[in-house]
PDB file of all heavy atoms in Angstrom:
ATOM      1  N   ALA A   1     -53.914  11.262   6.411  1.00  0.00           N
ATOM      2  CA  ALA A   1     -53.959  12.207   7.458  1.00  0.00           C
ATOM      3  C   ALA A   1     -53.030  12.121   8.521  1.00  0.00           C
ATOM      4  O   ALA A   1     -53.170  12.618   9.656  1.00  0.00           O
ATOM      5  CB  ALA A   1     -55.438  12.213   8.084  1.00  0.00           C
ATOM      6  N   ASN A   2     -51.937  11.227   8.181  1.00  0.00           N
ATOM      7  CA  ASN A   2     -50.875  10.931   9.245  1.00  0.00           C
ATOM      8  C   ASN A   2     -51.411  10.208  10.477  1.00  0.00           C
ATOM      9  O   ASN A   2     -50.879  10.249  11.564  1.00  0.00           O
ATOM     10  CB  ASN A   2     -50.119  12.264   9.662  1.00  0.00           C
ATOM     11  CG  ASN A   2     -49.119  12.636   8.627  1.00  0.00           C
ATOM     12  OD1 ASN A   2     -48.979  11.894   7.661  1.00  0.00           O
ATOM     13  ND2 ASN A   2     -48.470  13.797   8.827  1.00  0.00           N
ATOM     14  N   GLU A   3     -52.541   9.604  10.242  1.00  0.00           N
ATOM     15  CA  GLU A   3     -53.038   8.703  11.419  1.00  0.00           C
ATOM     16  C   GLU A   3     -52.485   7.405  11.186  1.00  0.00           C
ATOM     17  O   GLU A   3     -52.259   6.809  10.157  1.00  0.00           O
ATOM     18  CB  GLU A   3     -54.584   8.571  11.303  1.00  0.00           C
ATOM     19  CG  GLU A   3     -55.199   7.790  12.385  1.00  0.00           C
ATOM     20  CD  GLU A   3     -56.668   7.759  12.316  1.00  0.00           C
ATOM     21  OE1 GLU A   3     -57.296   8.369  11.337  1.00  0.00           O
ATOM     22  OE2 GLU A   3     -57.331   7.008  13.020  1.00  0.00           O
ATOM     23  N   LEU A   4     -52.124   6.781  12.422  1.00  0.00           N
ATOM     24  CA  LEU A   4     -51.296   5.519  12.498  1.00  0.00           C
ATOM     25  C   LEU A   4     -52.182   4.277  12.947  1.00  0.00           C
ATOM     26  O   LEU A   4     -53.039   4.588  13.842  1.00  0.00           O
ATOM     27  CB  LEU A   4     -50.089   5.686  13.362  1.00  0.00           C
ATOM     28  CG  LEU A   4     -48.932   6.399  12.857  1.00  0.00           C
ATOM     29  CD1 LEU A   4     -48.117   7.047  13.915  1.00  0.00           C
ATOM     30  CD2 LEU A   4     -48.057   5.705  11.790  1.00  0.00           C
ATOM     31  N   TYR A   5     -52.035   3.170  12.250  1.00  0.00           N
ATOM     32  CA  TYR A   5     -52.674   1.930  12.680  1.00  0.00           C
ATOM     33  C   TYR A   5     -51.603   0.761  12.924  1.00  0.00           C
ATOM     34  O   TYR A   5     -50.818   0.674  12.050  1.00  0.00           O
ATOM     35  CB  TYR A   5     -53.656   1.494  11.740  1.00  0.00           C
ATOM     36  CG  TYR A   5     -54.770   2.466  11.380  1.00  0.00           C
ATOM     37  CD1 TYR A   5     -54.575   3.526  10.383  1.00  0.00           C
ATOM     38  CD2 TYR A   5     -56.023   2.435  11.957  1.00  0.00           C
ATOM     39  CE1 TYR A   5     -55.603   4.516  10.171  1.00  0.00           C
ATOM     40  CE2 TYR A   5     -57.043   3.328  11.686  1.00  0.00           C
ATOM     41  CZ  TYR A   5     -56.897   4.385  10.798  1.00  0.00           C
ATOM     42  OH  TYR A   5     -57.781   5.236  10.510  1.00  0.00           O
ATOM     43  N   PHE A   6     -51.622   0.177  13.982  1.00  0.00           N
ATOM     44  CA  PHE A   6     -50.642  -0.756  14.374  1.00  0.00           C
ATOM     45  C   PHE A   6     -51.095  -2.210  14.414  1.00  0.00           C
ATOM     46  O   PHE A   6     -52.248  -2.446  14.878  1.00  0.00           O
ATOM     47  CB  PHE A   6     -50.010  -0.456  15.754  1.00  0.00           C
ATOM     48  CG  PHE A   6     -49.411   0.918  15.879  1.00  0.00           C
ATOM     49  CD1 PHE A   6     -50.197   1.991  16.384  1.00  0.00           C
ATOM     50  CD2 PHE A   6     -48.164   1.094  15.533  1.00  0.00           C
ATOM     51  CE1 PHE A   6     -49.659   3.215  16.507  1.00  0.00           C
ATOM     52  CE2 PHE A   6     -47.572   2.367  15.718  1.00  0.00           C
ATOM     53  CZ  PHE A   6     -48.357   3.454  16.101  1.00  0.00           C
ATOM     54  N   SER A   7     -50.294  -3.029  13.799  1.00  0.00           N
ATOM     55  CA  SER A   7     -50.617  -4.544  14.057  1.00  0.00           C
ATOM     56  C   SER A   7     -50.213  -4.868  15.506  1.00  0.00           C
ATOM     57  O   SER A   7     -49.733  -4.196  16.227  1.00  0.00           O
ATOM     58  CB  SER A   7     -49.718  -5.359  13.093  1.00  0.00           C
ATOM     59  OG  SER A   7     -48.352  -5.338  13.502  1.00  0.00           O
ATOM     60  N   PRO A   8     -50.729  -6.046  15.952  1.00  0.00           N
ATOM     61  CA  PRO A   8     -50.300  -6.430  17.336  1.00  0.00           C
ATOM     62  C   PRO A   8     -48.938  -6.371  17.773  1.00  0.00           C
ATOM     63  O   PRO A   8     -48.618  -5.860  18.804  1.00  0.00           O
ATOM     64  CB  PRO A   8     -51.020  -7.865  17.533  1.00  0.00           C
ATOM     65  CG  PRO A   8     -52.184  -7.886  16.498  1.00  0.00           C
ATOM     66  CD  PRO A   8     -51.503  -7.011  15.357  1.00  0.00           C
ATOM     67  N   ARG A   9     -48.083  -6.845  16.884  1.00  0.00           N
ATOM     68  CA  ARG A   9     -46.557  -6.766  17.152  1.00  0.00           C
ATOM     69  C   ARG A   9     -46.100  -5.359  17.245  1.00  0.00           C
ATOM     70  O   ARG A   9     -45.343  -4.973  18.054  1.00  0.00           O
ATOM     71  CB  ARG A   9     -45.782  -7.686  16.176  1.00  0.00           C
ATOM     72  CG  ARG A   9     -45.852  -9.178  16.347  1.00  0.00           C
ATOM     73  CD  ARG A   9     -44.930  -9.895  15.447  1.00  0.00           C
ATOM     74  NE  ARG A   9     -44.805 -11.238  15.523  1.00  0.00           N
ATOM     75  CZ  ARG A   9     -45.568 -12.045  14.865  1.00  0.00           C
ATOM     76  NH1 ARG A   9     -46.408 -11.604  13.905  1.00  0.00           N
ATOM     77  NH2 ARG A   9     -45.462 -13.524  15.085  1.00  0.00           N
ATOM     78  N   ALA A  10     -46.510  -4.593  16.304  1.00  0.00           N
ATOM     79  CA  ALA A  10     -46.107  -3.188  16.200  1.00  0.00           C
ATOM     80  C   ALA A  10     -46.612  -2.409  17.455  1.00  0.00           C
ATOM     81  O   ALA A  10     -45.868  -1.470  18.054  1.00  0.00           O
ATOM     82  CB  ALA A  10     -46.610  -2.558  14.946  1.00  0.00           C
ATOM     83  N   ALA A  11     -47.901  -2.645  17.892  1.00  0.00           N
ATOM     84  CA  ALA A  11     -48.401  -1.921  19.057  1.00  0.00           C
ATOM     85  C   ALA A  11     -47.588  -2.112  20.319  1.00  0.00           C
ATOM     86  O   ALA A  11     -47.547  -1.261  21.124  1.00  0.00           O
ATOM     87  CB  ALA A  11     -49.818  -2.271  19.302  1.00  0.00           C
ATOM     88  N   GLY A  12     -47.110  -3.308  20.352  1.00  0.00           N
ATOM     89  CA  GLY A  12     -46.280  -3.653  21.630  1.00  0.00           C
ATOM     90  C   GLY A  12     -44.883  -3.099  21.518  1.00  0.00           C
ATOM     91  O   GLY A  12     -44.209  -3.012  22.678  1.00  0.00           O
ATOM     92  N   LEU A  13     -44.364  -2.594  20.433  1.00  0.00           N
ATOM     93  CA  LEU A  13     -43.069  -2.120  20.224  1.00  0.00           C
ATOM     94  C   LEU A  13     -42.897  -0.642  20.679  1.00  0.00           C
ATOM     95  O   LEU A  13     -41.760  -0.310  21.117  1.00  0.00           O
ATOM     96  CB  LEU A  13     -42.546  -2.304  18.937  1.00  0.00           C
ATOM     97  CG  LEU A  13     -42.191  -3.695  18.304  1.00  0.00           C
ATOM     98  CD1 LEU A  13     -41.685  -3.685  17.050  1.00  0.00           C
ATOM     99  CD2 LEU A  13     -41.113  -4.296  19.252  1.00  0.00           C
ATOM    100  N   PHE A  14     -43.805   0.132  20.403  1.00  0.00           N
ATOM    101  CA  PHE A  14     -43.707   1.525  20.518  1.00  0.00           C
ATOM    102  C   PHE A  14     -44.373   2.142  21.751  1.00  0.00           C
ATOM    103  O   PHE A  14     -45.600   2.086  21.867  1.00  0.00           O
ATOM    104  CB  PHE A  14     -44.325   2.257  19.318  1.00  0.00           C
ATOM    105  CG  PHE A  14     -43.587   1.857  17.977  1.00  0.00           C
ATOM    106  CD1 PHE A  14     -44.222   0.926  17.150  1.00  0.00           C
ATOM    107  CD2 PHE A  14     -42.296   2.387  17.701  1.00  0.00           C
ATOM    108  CE1 PHE A  14     -43.494   0.505  16.012  1.00  0.00           C
ATOM    109  CE2 PHE A  14     -41.721   2.028  16.563  1.00  0.00           C
ATOM    110  CZ  PHE A  14     -42.225   1.094  15.577  1.00  0.00           C
ATOM    111  N   PRO A  15     -43.633   2.922  22.530  1.00  0.00           N
ATOM    112  CA  PRO A  15     -44.097   3.440  23.660  1.00  0.00           C
ATOM    113  C   PRO A  15     -44.860   4.816  23.483  1.00  0.00           C
ATOM    114  O   PRO A  15     -45.594   5.397  24.201  1.00  0.00           O
ATOM    115  CB  PRO A  15     -42.926   3.752  24.707  1.00  0.00           C
ATOM    116  CG  PRO A  15     -41.785   3.959  23.725  1.00  0.00           C
ATOM    117  CD  PRO A  15     -42.043   2.931  22.427  1.00  0.00           C
ATOM    118  N   TRP A  16     -44.495   5.377  22.199  1.00  0.00           N
ATOM    119  CA  TRP A  16     -45.128   6.565  21.857  1.00  0.00           C
ATOM    120  C   TRP A  16     -46.703   6.435  21.470  1.00  0.00           C
ATOM    121  O   TRP A  16     -47.073   5.484  20.968  1.00  0.00           O
ATOM    122  CB  TRP A  16     -44.387   7.226  20.556  1.00  0.00           C
ATOM    123  CG  TRP A  16     -42.994   7.061  20.548  1.00  0.00           C
ATOM    124  CD1 TRP A  16     -42.052   6.994  21.646  1.00  0.00           C
ATOM    125  CD2 TRP A  16     -42.151   6.675  19.317  1.00  0.00           C
ATOM    126  NE1 TRP A  16     -40.891   6.729  21.183  1.00  0.00           N
ATOM    127  CE2 TRP A  16     -40.886   6.512  19.867  1.00  0.00           C
ATOM    128  CE3 TRP A  16     -42.434   6.480  17.989  1.00  0.00           C
ATOM    129  CZ2 TRP A  16     -39.841   6.140  18.901  1.00  0.00           C
ATOM    130  CZ3 TRP A  16     -41.440   6.084  17.201  1.00  0.00           C
ATOM    131  CH2 TRP A  16     -40.138   6.016  17.642  1.00  0.00           C
ATOM    132  N   ARG A  17     -47.345   7.545  21.676  1.00  0.00           N
ATOM    133  CA  ARG A  17     -48.727   7.611  21.141  1.00  0.00           C
ATOM    134  C   ARG A  17     -48.654   7.831  19.631  1.00  0.00           C
ATOM    135  O   ARG A  17     -47.678   8.306  19.202  1.00  0.00           O
ATOM    136  CB  ARG A  17     -49.434   8.774  21.877  1.00  0.00           C
ATOM    137  CG  ARG A  17     -49.831   8.683  23.236  1.00  0.00           C
ATOM    138  CD  ARG A  17     -50.123   9.940  23.870  1.00  0.00           C
ATOM    139  NE  ARG A  17     -51.088  10.814  22.983  1.00  0.00           N
ATOM    140  CZ  ARG A  17     -52.252  11.110  23.352  1.00  0.00           C
ATOM    141  NH1 ARG A  17     -52.748  10.554  24.440  1.00  0.00           N
ATOM    142  NH2 ARG A  17     -52.962  11.783  22.502  1.00  0.00           N
ATOM    143  N   SER A  18     -49.893   7.509  19.077  1.00  0.00           N
ATOM    144  CA  SER A  18     -49.789   7.539  17.614  1.00  0.00           C
ATOM    145  C   SER A  18     -49.705   9.049  17.150  1.00  0.00           C
ATOM    146  O   SER A  18     -49.323   9.186  15.896  1.00  0.00           O
ATOM    147  CB  SER A  18     -50.995   6.804  16.976  1.00  0.00           C
ATOM    148  OG  SER A  18     -52.158   7.437  17.545  1.00  0.00           O
ATOM    149  N   ASP A  19     -50.097   9.985  18.019  1.00  0.00           N
ATOM    150  CA  ASP A  19     -50.086  11.366  17.617  1.00  0.00           C
ATOM    151  C   ASP A  19     -48.856  12.149  18.326  1.00  0.00           C
ATOM    152  O   ASP A  19     -48.967  13.289  18.514  1.00  0.00           O
ATOM    153  CB  ASP A  19     -51.440  12.132  18.045  1.00  0.00           C
ATOM    154  CG  ASP A  19     -51.699  11.750  19.561  1.00  0.00           C
ATOM    155  OD1 ASP A  19     -50.923  11.280  20.258  1.00  0.00           O
ATOM    156  OD2 ASP A  19     -52.784  12.191  19.888  1.00  0.00           O
ATOM    157  N   SER A  20     -47.812  11.340  18.728  1.00  0.00           N
ATOM    158  CA  SER A  20     -46.702  11.830  19.420  1.00  0.00           C
ATOM    159  C   SER A  20     -45.762  12.633  18.442  1.00  0.00           C
ATOM    160  O   SER A  20     -45.759  12.354  17.196  1.00  0.00           O
ATOM    161  CB  SER A  20     -45.810  10.746  20.153  1.00  0.00           C
ATOM    162  OG  SER A  20     -45.293   9.844  19.143  1.00  0.00           O
ATOM    163  N   PRO A  21     -44.889  13.464  18.924  1.00  0.00           N
ATOM    164  CA  PRO A  21     -43.911  14.236  18.116  1.00  0.00           C
ATOM    165  C   PRO A  21     -42.953  13.246  17.457  1.00  0.00           C
ATOM    166  O   PRO A  21     -42.540  13.500  16.115  1.00  0.00           O
ATOM    167  CB  PRO A  21     -43.103  15.122  18.988  1.00  0.00           C
ATOM    168  CG  PRO A  21     -44.107  15.324  20.197  1.00  0.00           C
ATOM    169  CD  PRO A  21     -44.772  14.089  20.333  1.00  0.00           C
ATOM    170  N   GLU A  22     -42.614  12.042  17.995  1.00  0.00           N
ATOM    171  CA  GLU A  22     -41.815  11.067  17.358  1.00  0.00           C
ATOM    172  C   GLU A  22     -42.316  10.595  16.097  1.00  0.00           C
ATOM    173  O   GLU A  22     -41.719  10.411  15.048  1.00  0.00           O
ATOM    174  CB  GLU A  22     -41.422  10.013  18.351  1.00  0.00           C
ATOM    175  CG  GLU A  22     -40.548  10.159  19.605  1.00  0.00           C
ATOM    176  CD  GLU A  22     -41.415  10.891  20.665  1.00  0.00           C
ATOM    177  OE1 GLU A  22     -42.548  11.029  20.606  1.00  0.00           O
ATOM    178  OE2 GLU A  22     -40.794  11.162  21.766  1.00  0.00           O
ATOM    179  N   TRP A  23     -43.550  10.213  16.169  1.00  0.00           N
ATOM    180  CA  TRP A  23     -44.211   9.676  14.997  1.00  0.00           C
ATOM    181  C   TRP A  23     -44.541  10.703  14.008  1.00  0.00           C
ATOM    182  O   TRP A  23     -44.365  10.558  12.722  1.00  0.00           O
ATOM    183  CB  TRP A  23     -45.578   9.012  15.347  1.00  0.00           C
ATOM    184  CG  TRP A  23     -45.430   7.563  15.675  1.00  0.00           C
ATOM    185  CD1 TRP A  23     -45.747   7.074  16.878  1.00  0.00           C
ATOM    186  CD2 TRP A  23     -45.036   6.582  14.871  1.00  0.00           C
ATOM    187  NE1 TRP A  23     -45.491   5.625  16.806  1.00  0.00           N
ATOM    188  CE2 TRP A  23     -45.002   5.289  15.578  1.00  0.00           C
ATOM    189  CE3 TRP A  23     -44.606   6.504  13.525  1.00  0.00           C
ATOM    190  CZ2 TRP A  23     -44.716   4.070  15.035  1.00  0.00           C
ATOM    191  CZ3 TRP A  23     -44.187   5.222  13.018  1.00  0.00           C
ATOM    192  CH2 TRP A  23     -44.155   4.122  13.692  1.00  0.00           C
ATOM    193  N   ALA A  24     -44.777  12.026  14.405  1.00  0.00           N
ATOM    194  CA  ALA A  24     -44.945  13.074  13.526  1.00  0.00           C
ATOM    195  C   ALA A  24     -43.626  13.381  12.649  1.00  0.00           C
ATOM    196  O   ALA A  24     -43.603  13.706  11.447  1.00  0.00           O
ATOM    197  CB  ALA A  24     -45.350  14.402  14.233  1.00  0.00           C
ATOM    198  N   ARG A  25     -42.556  13.261  13.497  1.00  0.00           N
ATOM    199  CA  ARG A  25     -41.152  13.527  12.738  1.00  0.00           C
ATOM    200  C   ARG A  25     -40.991  12.274  11.728  1.00  0.00           C
ATOM    201  O   ARG A  25     -40.429  12.609  10.537  1.00  0.00           O
ATOM    202  CB  ARG A  25     -40.166  13.462  13.784  1.00  0.00           C
ATOM    203  CG  ARG A  25     -38.681  13.790  13.250  1.00  0.00           C
ATOM    204  CD  ARG A  25     -37.741  14.063  14.371  1.00  0.00           C
ATOM    205  NE  ARG A  25     -37.641  13.134  15.404  1.00  0.00           N
ATOM    206  CZ  ARG A  25     -38.240  13.326  16.612  1.00  0.00           C
ATOM    207  NH1 ARG A  25     -38.840  14.394  17.014  1.00  0.00           N
ATOM    208  NH2 ARG A  25     -38.136  12.384  17.546  1.00  0.00           N
ATOM    209  N   LEU A  26     -41.406  11.168  12.076  1.00  0.00           N
ATOM    210  CA  LEU A  26     -41.038  10.009  11.262  1.00  0.00           C
ATOM    211  C   LEU A  26     -41.976  10.161   9.920  1.00  0.00           C
ATOM    212  O   LEU A  26     -41.566   9.848   8.830  1.00  0.00           O
ATOM    213  CB  LEU A  26     -41.437   8.695  11.754  1.00  0.00           C
ATOM    214  CG  LEU A  26     -41.444   7.406  10.914  1.00  0.00           C
ATOM    215  CD1 LEU A  26     -40.111   7.160  10.592  1.00  0.00           C
ATOM    216  CD2 LEU A  26     -42.077   6.194  11.613  1.00  0.00           C
ATOM    217  N   CYS A  27     -43.170  10.662  10.157  1.00  0.00           N
ATOM    218  CA  CYS A  27     -44.215  10.852   9.039  1.00  0.00           C
ATOM    219  C   CYS A  27     -43.650  11.783   8.009  1.00  0.00           C
ATOM    220  O   CYS A  27     -43.769  11.818   6.802  1.00  0.00           O
ATOM    221  CB  CYS A  27     -45.542  11.328   9.504  1.00  0.00           C
ATOM    222  SG  CYS A  27     -46.339  10.012  10.497  1.00  0.00           S
ATOM    223  N   GLN A  28     -42.971  12.908   8.475  1.00  0.00           N
ATOM    224  CA  GLN A  28     -42.430  13.981   7.719  1.00  0.00           C
ATOM    225  C   GLN A  28     -41.128  13.516   7.022  1.00  0.00           C
ATOM    226  O   GLN A  28     -40.876  13.957   5.782  1.00  0.00           O
ATOM    227  CB  GLN A  28     -42.037  15.132   8.536  1.00  0.00           C
ATOM    228  CG  GLN A  28     -43.246  15.866   9.148  1.00  0.00           C
ATOM    229  CD  GLN A  28     -42.766  17.007  10.120  1.00  0.00           C
ATOM    230  OE1 GLN A  28     -41.597  17.148  10.380  1.00  0.00           O
ATOM    231  NE2 GLN A  28     -43.803  17.704  10.529  1.00  0.00           N
ATOM    232  N   GLU A  29     -40.368  12.610   7.521  1.00  0.00           N
ATOM    233  CA  GLU A  29     -39.154  12.103   6.968  1.00  0.00           C
ATOM    234  C   GLU A  29     -39.327  10.841   6.139  1.00  0.00           C
ATOM    235  O   GLU A  29     -38.350  10.209   5.564  1.00  0.00           O
ATOM    236  CB  GLU A  29     -38.062  11.839   8.041  1.00  0.00           C
ATOM    237  CG  GLU A  29     -37.861  13.082   8.859  1.00  0.00           C
ATOM    238  CD  GLU A  29     -36.930  12.858   9.912  1.00  0.00           C
ATOM    239  OE1 GLU A  29     -36.577  11.633  10.223  1.00  0.00           O
ATOM    240  OE2 GLU A  29     -36.398  13.789  10.617  1.00  0.00           O
ATOM    241  N   ILE A  30     -40.546  10.252   5.975  1.00  0.00           N
ATOM    242  CA  ILE A  30     -40.788   8.914   5.349  1.00  0.00           C
ATOM    243  C   ILE A  30     -40.406   8.922   3.905  1.00  0.00           C
ATOM    244  O   ILE A  30     -40.654   9.841   3.179  1.00  0.00           O
ATOM    245  CB  ILE A  30     -42.247   8.592   5.542  1.00  0.00           C
ATOM    246  CG1 ILE A  30     -42.436   7.079   5.472  1.00  0.00           C
ATOM    247  CG2 ILE A  30     -43.152   9.337   4.656  1.00  0.00           C
ATOM    248  CD1 ILE A  30     -43.767   6.546   5.768  1.00  0.00           C
ATOM    249  N   GLN A  31     -39.786   7.793   3.453  1.00  0.00           N
ATOM    250  CA  GLN A  31     -39.433   7.569   2.092  1.00  0.00           C
ATOM    251  C   GLN A  31     -39.609   6.212   1.764  1.00  0.00           C
ATOM    252  O   GLN A  31     -39.468   5.247   2.539  1.00  0.00           O
ATOM    253  CB  GLN A  31     -37.855   7.873   1.919  1.00  0.00           C
ATOM    254  CG  GLN A  31     -37.489   9.371   2.124  1.00  0.00           C
ATOM    255  CD  GLN A  31     -36.044   9.677   1.745  1.00  0.00           C
ATOM    256  OE1 GLN A  31     -35.275   8.724   1.563  1.00  0.00           O
ATOM    257  NE2 GLN A  31     -35.670  10.917   1.702  1.00  0.00           N
ATOM    258  N   LEU A  32     -40.140   5.896   0.565  1.00  0.00           N
ATOM    259  CA  LEU A  32     -40.450   4.641  -0.015  1.00  0.00           C
ATOM    260  C   LEU A  32     -39.202   3.891  -0.195  1.00  0.00           C
ATOM    261  O   LEU A  32     -38.248   4.391  -0.494  1.00  0.00           O
ATOM    262  CB  LEU A  32     -41.304   4.838  -1.274  1.00  0.00           C
ATOM    263  CG  LEU A  32     -42.637   5.527  -1.200  1.00  0.00           C
ATOM    264  CD1 LEU A  32     -43.326   5.464  -2.489  1.00  0.00           C
ATOM    265  CD2 LEU A  32     -43.517   4.972  -0.086  1.00  0.00           C
ATOM    266  N   GLY A  33     -39.308   2.589   0.051  1.00  0.00           N
ATOM    267  CA  GLY A  33     -38.210   1.618  -0.127  1.00  0.00           C
ATOM    268  C   GLY A  33     -37.583   1.224   1.240  1.00  0.00           C
ATOM    269  O   GLY A  33     -38.288   1.225   2.285  1.00  0.00           O
TER     270      GLY A  33
END
């Protein structure tokens, strides 16, 4: 559902909210590998 969960190190890296446009754009462009 494009919901994001962060490990402690990851939570401290990103200033964006998990429902922000930045993450939405990443979710659309995501590729395996």
